[in-house]
Amino acid sequence: MTFTHHVDMLARLEGAMLIYLGFLFFLNSVSYIAEVKEKEIVVGSVFLSLLILLFSFFITFGKIKDIYSIEIGGVAIFFSCLYLWRDFNLIFDAPNEGIGYFCIYFFVLGVLLIFYSAAHITKLWGAWLTASWVSWTFLLILYYFMYVKKYNMRLFFGFYSFLISIFTAWLPGLLLLTGML
């Protein structure tokens, strides 16, 4: 296989993973916007989180062993762990403060990834990824304020999650998957 083929396959895998992440963001946004009980979405959330985890492991430890695949897979593992942890808390009625503190750590990583991805923009996807990291990092700090500081921002959080589900995950995932980005 040529390097170009590996890059193309990695982009398609990344696209599929982003589509699942978009559905996960959307599903969680519904629980905040439509006042759907969070326990009603937990099965779908666990399923999507496990799919993202599976894709993450495949991308990180698969045949394509370059630094970019390790970065993509490793960061996606963080997202799947975040939502699996949230799902676990929903199932067992556990508090979410720990997730809030985890999101601070993830927030710091996100800020670093914003600078890293901005420094390596070569194509449209690089700019889109940088903007996505800005959006995801803001989402992480919102989790902290909701779960640790107990700010009541469910509606804002829901609409924000809905928007990023489309513009930072689902749409770019679809474009990557189809080879249009």
C-alpha atoms as a PDB file:
ATOM      1  CA  MET A   1       0.000   0.000   0.000  1.00  0.00           C
ATOM      2  CA  THR A   2       1.221   3.456  -0.823  1.00  0.00           C
ATOM      3  CA  PHE A   3       1.367   6.329   1.628  1.00  0.00           C
ATOM      4  CA  THR A   4      -1.440   8.101  -0.248  1.00  0.00           C
ATOM      5  CA  HIS A   5      -3.669   5.056   0.212  1.00  0.00           C
ATOM      6  CA  HIS A   6      -2.919   5.034   3.968  1.00  0.00           C
ATOM      7  CA  VAL A   7      -3.748   8.732   4.276  1.00  0.00           C
ATOM      8  CA  ASP A   8      -6.990   8.239   2.322  1.00  0.00           C
ATOM      9  CA  MET A   9      -7.999   5.266   4.486  1.00  0.00           C
ATOM     10  CA  LEU A  10      -7.162   7.191   7.669  1.00  0.00           C
ATOM     11  CA  ALA A  11      -9.295  10.133   6.509  1.00  0.00           C
ATOM     12  CA  ARG A  12     -12.224   7.773   5.884  1.00  0.00           C
ATOM     13  CA  LEU A  13     -11.833   6.171   9.323  1.00  0.00           C
ATOM     14  CA  GLU A  14     -11.599   9.604  10.897  1.00  0.00           C
ATOM     15  CA  GLY A  15     -14.737  10.612   9.014  1.00  0.00           C
ATOM     16  CA  ALA A  16     -16.680   7.606  10.289  1.00  0.00           C
ATOM     17  CA  MET A  17     -15.526   8.289  13.830  1.00  0.00           C
ATOM     18  CA  LEU A  18     -16.568  11.946  13.547  1.00  0.00           C
ATOM     19  CA  ILE A  19     -20.024  10.920  12.327  1.00  0.00           C
ATOM     20  CA  TYR A  20     -20.437   8.757  15.448  1.00  0.00           C
ATOM     21  CA  LEU A  21     -19.151  11.607  17.599  1.00  0.00           C
ATOM     22  CA  GLY A  22     -21.667  13.922  15.932  1.00  0.00           C
ATOM     23  CA  PHE A  23     -24.501  11.528  16.749  1.00  0.00           C
ATOM     24  CA  LEU A  24     -23.237  11.289  20.320  1.00  0.00           C
ATOM     25  CA  PHE A  25     -23.155  15.086  20.688  1.00  0.00           C
ATOM     26  CA  PHE A  26     -26.623  15.288  19.117  1.00  0.00           C
ATOM     27  CA  LEU A  27     -28.065  12.593  21.357  1.00  0.00           C
ATOM     28  CA  ASN A  28     -26.750  14.334  24.444  1.00  0.00           C
ATOM     29  CA  SER A  29     -27.997  17.717  23.224  1.00  0.00           C
ATOM     30  CA  VAL A  30     -31.513  16.286  22.944  1.00  0.00           C
ATOM     31  CA  SER A  31     -31.489  15.401  26.636  1.00  0.00           C
ATOM     32  CA  TYR A  32     -30.699  19.025  27.487  1.00  0.00           C
ATOM     33  CA  ILE A  33     -32.954  20.789  24.958  1.00  0.00           C
ATOM     34  CA  ALA A  34     -36.043  18.579  24.840  1.00  0.00           C
ATOM     35  CA  GLU A  35     -36.022  17.717  28.528  1.00  0.00           C
ATOM     36  CA  VAL A  36     -35.769  14.042  27.653  1.00  0.00           C
ATOM     37  CA  LYS A  37     -34.702  12.084  30.684  1.00  0.00           C
ATOM     38  CA  GLU A  38     -30.998  11.376  30.421  1.00  0.00           C
ATOM     39  CA  LYS A  39     -31.532   7.706  31.255  1.00  0.00           C
ATOM     40  CA  GLU A  40     -33.544   7.387  28.040  1.00  0.00           C
ATOM     41  CA  ILE A  41     -30.480   8.181  25.931  1.00  0.00           C
ATOM     42  CA  VAL A  42     -27.960   6.110  27.856  1.00  0.00           C
ATOM     43  CA  VAL A  43     -28.228   2.979  25.666  1.00  0.00           C
ATOM     44  CA  GLY A  44     -27.580   4.943  22.473  1.00  0.00           C
ATOM     45  CA  SER A  45     -24.838   6.928  24.163  1.00  0.00           C
ATOM     46  CA  VAL A  46     -23.069   3.775  25.385  1.00  0.00           C
ATOM     47  CA  PHE A  47     -23.355   2.212  21.933  1.00  0.00           C
ATOM     48  CA  LEU A  48     -21.926   5.301  20.190  1.00  0.00           C
ATOM     49  CA  SER A  49     -19.192   5.733  22.814  1.00  0.00           C
ATOM     50  CA  LEU A  50     -18.132   2.117  22.359  1.00  0.00           C
ATOM     51  CA  LEU A  51     -18.098   2.539  18.565  1.00  0.00           C
ATOM     52  CA  ILE A  52     -15.879   5.598  18.923  1.00  0.00           C
ATOM     53  CA  LEU A  53     -13.629   3.654  21.296  1.00  0.00           C
ATOM     54  CA  LEU A  54     -13.429   0.769  18.829  1.00  0.00           C
ATOM     55  CA  PHE A  55     -12.544   3.107  15.939  1.00  0.00           C
ATOM     56  CA  SER A  56     -10.020   4.852  18.212  1.00  0.00           C
ATOM     57  CA  PHE A  57      -8.238   1.601  18.979  1.00  0.00           C
ATOM     58  CA  PHE A  58      -8.303   0.574  15.331  1.00  0.00           C
ATOM     59  CA  ILE A  59      -6.866   3.920  14.224  1.00  0.00           C
ATOM     60  CA  THR A  60      -4.275   4.073  17.004  1.00  0.00           C
ATOM     61  CA  PHE A  61      -3.078   0.466  16.905  1.00  0.00           C
ATOM     62  CA  GLY A  62      -3.980  -0.525  13.332  1.00  0.00           C
ATOM     63  CA  LYS A  63      -1.807  -0.923  10.259  1.00  0.00           C
ATOM     64  CA  ILE A  64      -1.352   2.811   9.756  1.00  0.00           C
ATOM     65  CA  LYS A  65       1.288   3.620  12.327  1.00  0.00           C
ATOM     66  CA  ASP A  66       2.101   7.281  11.943  1.00  0.00           C
ATOM     67  CA  ILE A  67       2.011  10.119  14.437  1.00  0.00           C
ATOM     68  CA  TYR A  68      -1.238  11.550  13.035  1.00  0.00           C
ATOM     69  CA  SER A  69      -3.151   8.290  13.500  1.00  0.00           C
ATOM     70  CA  ILE A  70      -1.886   8.014  17.063  1.00  0.00           C
ATOM     71  CA  GLU A  71      -2.991  11.601  17.747  1.00  0.00           C
ATOM     72  CA  ILE A  72      -6.459  11.110  16.269  1.00  0.00           C
ATOM     73  CA  GLY A  73      -7.060   7.794  17.984  1.00  0.00           C
ATOM     74  CA  GLY A  74      -5.656   8.910  21.317  1.00  0.00           C
ATOM     75  CA  VAL A  75      -7.778  12.034  21.491  1.00  0.00           C
ATOM     76  CA  ALA A  76     -10.892  10.128  20.426  1.00  0.00           C
ATOM     77  CA  ILE A  77     -10.263   7.732  23.315  1.00  0.00           C
ATOM     78  CA  PHE A  78     -10.611  10.742  25.632  1.00  0.00           C
ATOM     79  CA  PHE A  79     -14.021  11.593  24.160  1.00  0.00           C
ATOM     80  CA  SER A  80     -15.272   8.016  24.397  1.00  0.00           C
ATOM     81  CA  CYS A  81     -14.056   7.766  28.015  1.00  0.00           C
ATOM     82  CA  LEU A  82     -15.768  11.065  28.859  1.00  0.00           C
ATOM     83  CA  TYR A  83     -19.130   9.893  27.555  1.00  0.00           C
ATOM     84  CA  LEU A  84     -18.788   6.340  28.895  1.00  0.00           C
ATOM     85  CA  TRP A  85     -18.061   7.836  32.310  1.00  0.00           C
ATOM     86  CA  ARG A  86     -21.122  10.075  31.994  1.00  0.00           C
ATOM     87  CA  ASP A  87     -23.211   7.064  30.961  1.00  0.00           C
ATOM     88  CA  PHE A  88     -21.926   5.072  33.932  1.00  0.00           C
ATOM     89  CA  ASN A  89     -22.923   7.950  36.229  1.00  0.00           C
ATOM     90  CA  LEU A  90     -26.403   8.052  34.668  1.00  0.00           C
ATOM     91  CA  ILE A  91     -26.928   4.319  35.086  1.00  0.00           C
ATOM     92  CA  PHE A  92     -25.778   4.263  38.704  1.00  0.00           C
ATOM     93  CA  ASP A  93     -27.037   7.728  39.736  1.00  0.00           C
ATOM     94  CA  ALA A  94     -23.510   8.859  40.561  1.00  0.00           C
ATOM     95  CA  PRO A  95     -22.556  12.550  40.747  1.00  0.00           C
ATOM     96  CA  ASN A  96     -20.735  14.176  37.844  1.00  0.00           C
ATOM     97  CA  GLU A  97     -18.140  16.302  39.674  1.00  0.00           C
ATOM     98  CA  GLY A  98     -15.367  13.897  38.700  1.00  0.00           C
ATOM     99  CA  ILE A  99     -16.257  14.349  35.043  1.00  0.00           C
ATOM    100  CA  GLY A 100     -16.057  18.104  35.512  1.00  0.00           C
ATOM    101  CA  TYR A 101     -12.513  17.841  36.838  1.00  0.00           C
ATOM    102  CA  PHE A 102     -11.593  15.384  34.065  1.00  0.00           C
ATOM    103  CA  CYS A 103     -12.860  17.997  31.605  1.00  0.00           C
ATOM    104  CA  ILE A 104     -10.425  20.569  33.045  1.00  0.00           C
ATOM    105  CA  TYR A 105      -7.563  18.206  32.228  1.00  0.00           C
ATOM    106  CA  PHE A 106      -9.064  17.563  28.793  1.00  0.00           C
ATOM    107  CA  PHE A 107      -9.573  21.341  28.382  1.00  0.00           C
ATOM    108  CA  VAL A 108      -5.835  21.945  28.857  1.00  0.00           C
ATOM    109  CA  LEU A 109      -5.103  19.228  26.303  1.00  0.00           C
ATOM    110  CA  GLY A 110      -7.642  20.855  23.968  1.00  0.00           C
ATOM    111  CA  VAL A 111      -5.940  24.257  24.220  1.00  0.00           C
ATOM    112  CA  LEU A 112      -2.618  22.632  23.339  1.00  0.00           C
ATOM    113  CA  LEU A 113      -4.257  20.852  20.395  1.00  0.00           C
ATOM    114  CA  ILE A 114      -5.720  24.150  19.162  1.00  0.00           C
ATOM    115  CA  PHE A 115      -2.224  25.615  18.923  1.00  0.00           C
ATOM    116  CA  TYR A 116      -0.785  22.421  17.480  1.00  0.00           C
ATOM    117  CA  SER A 117      -3.449  22.048  14.794  1.00  0.00           C
ATOM    118  CA  ALA A 118      -3.296  25.785  13.971  1.00  0.00           C
ATOM    119  CA  ALA A 119       0.457  25.522  13.458  1.00  0.00           C
ATOM    120  CA  HIS A 120       0.001  22.620  11.039  1.00  0.00           C
ATOM    121  CA  ILE A 121      -2.792  23.924   8.797  1.00  0.00           C
ATOM    122  CA  THR A 122      -2.071  22.949   5.213  1.00  0.00           C
ATOM    123  CA  LYS A 123      -5.544  22.288   3.835  1.00  0.00           C
ATOM    124  CA  LEU A 124      -9.151  23.203   4.518  1.00  0.00           C
ATOM    125  CA  TRP A 125      -9.468  20.219   6.853  1.00  0.00           C
ATOM    126  CA  GLY A 126      -6.664  21.595   9.053  1.00  0.00           C
ATOM    127  CA  ALA A 127      -8.486  24.915   9.474  1.00  0.00           C
ATOM    128  CA  TRP A 128     -11.759  23.115  10.135  1.00  0.00           C
ATOM    129  CA  LEU A 129     -10.079  20.849  12.689  1.00  0.00           C
ATOM    130  CA  THR A 130      -8.570  23.852  14.470  1.00  0.00           C
ATOM    131  CA  ALA A 131     -11.988  25.541  14.637  1.00  0.00           C
ATOM    132  CA  SER A 132     -13.473  22.251  15.864  1.00  0.00           C
ATOM    133  CA  TRP A 133     -10.903  22.078  18.642  1.00  0.00           C
ATOM    134  CA  VAL A 134     -11.841  25.592  19.719  1.00  0.00           C
ATOM    135  CA  SER A 135     -15.503  24.484  19.842  1.00  0.00           C
ATOM    136  CA  TRP A 136     -14.780  21.201  21.657  1.00  0.00           C
ATOM    137  CA  THR A 137     -12.528  22.921  24.173  1.00  0.00           C
ATOM    138  CA  PHE A 138     -15.311  25.374  24.966  1.00  0.00           C
ATOM    139  CA  LEU A 139     -17.680  22.402  25.400  1.00  0.00           C
ATOM    140  CA  LEU A 140     -15.264  20.871  27.902  1.00  0.00           C
ATOM    141  CA  ILE A 141     -15.126  24.020  30.014  1.00  0.00           C
ATOM    142  CA  LEU A 142     -18.942  24.124  29.947  1.00  0.00           C
ATOM    143  CA  TYR A 143     -18.984  20.623  31.424  1.00  0.00           C
ATOM    144  CA  TYR A 144     -16.741  21.857  34.217  1.00  0.00           C
ATOM    145  CA  PHE A 145     -19.009  24.798  35.017  1.00  0.00           C
ATOM    146  CA  MET A 146     -22.144  22.629  34.895  1.00  0.00           C
ATOM    147  CA  TYR A 147     -20.841  19.703  36.924  1.00  0.00           C
ATOM    148  CA  VAL A 148     -18.380  21.273  39.368  1.00  0.00           C
ATOM    149  CA  LYS A 149     -19.540  24.872  39.739  1.00  0.00           C
ATOM    150  CA  LYS A 150     -23.207  23.829  39.354  1.00  0.00           C
ATOM    151  CA  TYR A 151     -24.102  26.589  36.891  1.00  0.00           C
ATOM    152  CA  ASN A 152     -27.548  26.066  35.404  1.00  0.00           C
ATOM    153  CA  MET A 153     -26.905  26.243  31.676  1.00  0.00           C
ATOM    154  CA  ARG A 154     -28.707  23.170  30.411  1.00  0.00           C
ATOM    155  CA  LEU A 155     -30.520  24.912  27.556  1.00  0.00           C
ATOM    156  CA  PHE A 156     -27.440  26.810  26.357  1.00  0.00           C
ATOM    157  CA  PHE A 157     -25.363  23.637  26.664  1.00  0.00           C
ATOM    158  CA  GLY A 158     -27.957  21.676  24.714  1.00  0.00           C
ATOM    159  CA  PHE A 159     -28.100  24.134  21.825  1.00  0.00           C
ATOM    160  CA  TYR A 160     -24.321  24.467  21.772  1.00  0.00           C
ATOM    161  CA  SER A 161     -23.944  20.670  21.701  1.00  0.00           C
ATOM    162  CA  PHE A 162     -26.478  20.513  18.889  1.00  0.00           C
ATOM    163  CA  LEU A 163     -24.536  23.050  16.797  1.00  0.00           C
ATOM    164  CA  ILE A 164     -21.177  21.388  17.313  1.00  0.00           C
ATOM    165  CA  SER A 165     -22.702  17.988  16.586  1.00  0.00           C
ATOM    166  CA  ILE A 166     -23.408  19.259  13.082  1.00  0.00           C
ATOM    167  CA  PHE A 167     -20.520  21.619  12.314  1.00  0.00           C
ATOM    168  CA  THR A 168     -17.569  19.963  14.072  1.00  0.00           C
ATOM    169  CA  ALA A 169     -18.424  16.292  13.823  1.00  0.00           C
ATOM    170  CA  TRP A 170     -21.265  15.149  11.579  1.00  0.00           C
ATOM    171  CA  LEU A 171     -20.680  17.420   8.558  1.00  0.00           C
ATOM    172  CA  PRO A 172     -16.867  17.157   8.432  1.00  0.00           C
ATOM    173  CA  GLY A 173     -17.165  13.441   9.158  1.00  0.00           C
ATOM    174  CA  LEU A 174     -19.489  12.995   6.206  1.00  0.00           C
ATOM    175  CA  LEU A 175     -17.203  15.056   3.956  1.00  0.00           C
ATOM    176  CA  LEU A 176     -14.136  13.072   5.048  1.00  0.00           C
ATOM    177  CA  LEU A 177     -15.944   9.774   4.659  1.00  0.00           C
ATOM    178  CA  THR A 178     -17.001  10.619   1.112  1.00  0.00           C
ATOM    179  CA  GLY A 179     -13.587  12.026   0.185  1.00  0.00           C
ATOM    180  CA  MET A 180     -14.896  15.558  -0.351  1.00  0.00           C
ATOM    181  CA  LEU A 181     -12.712  17.124   2.363  1.00  0.00           C
END
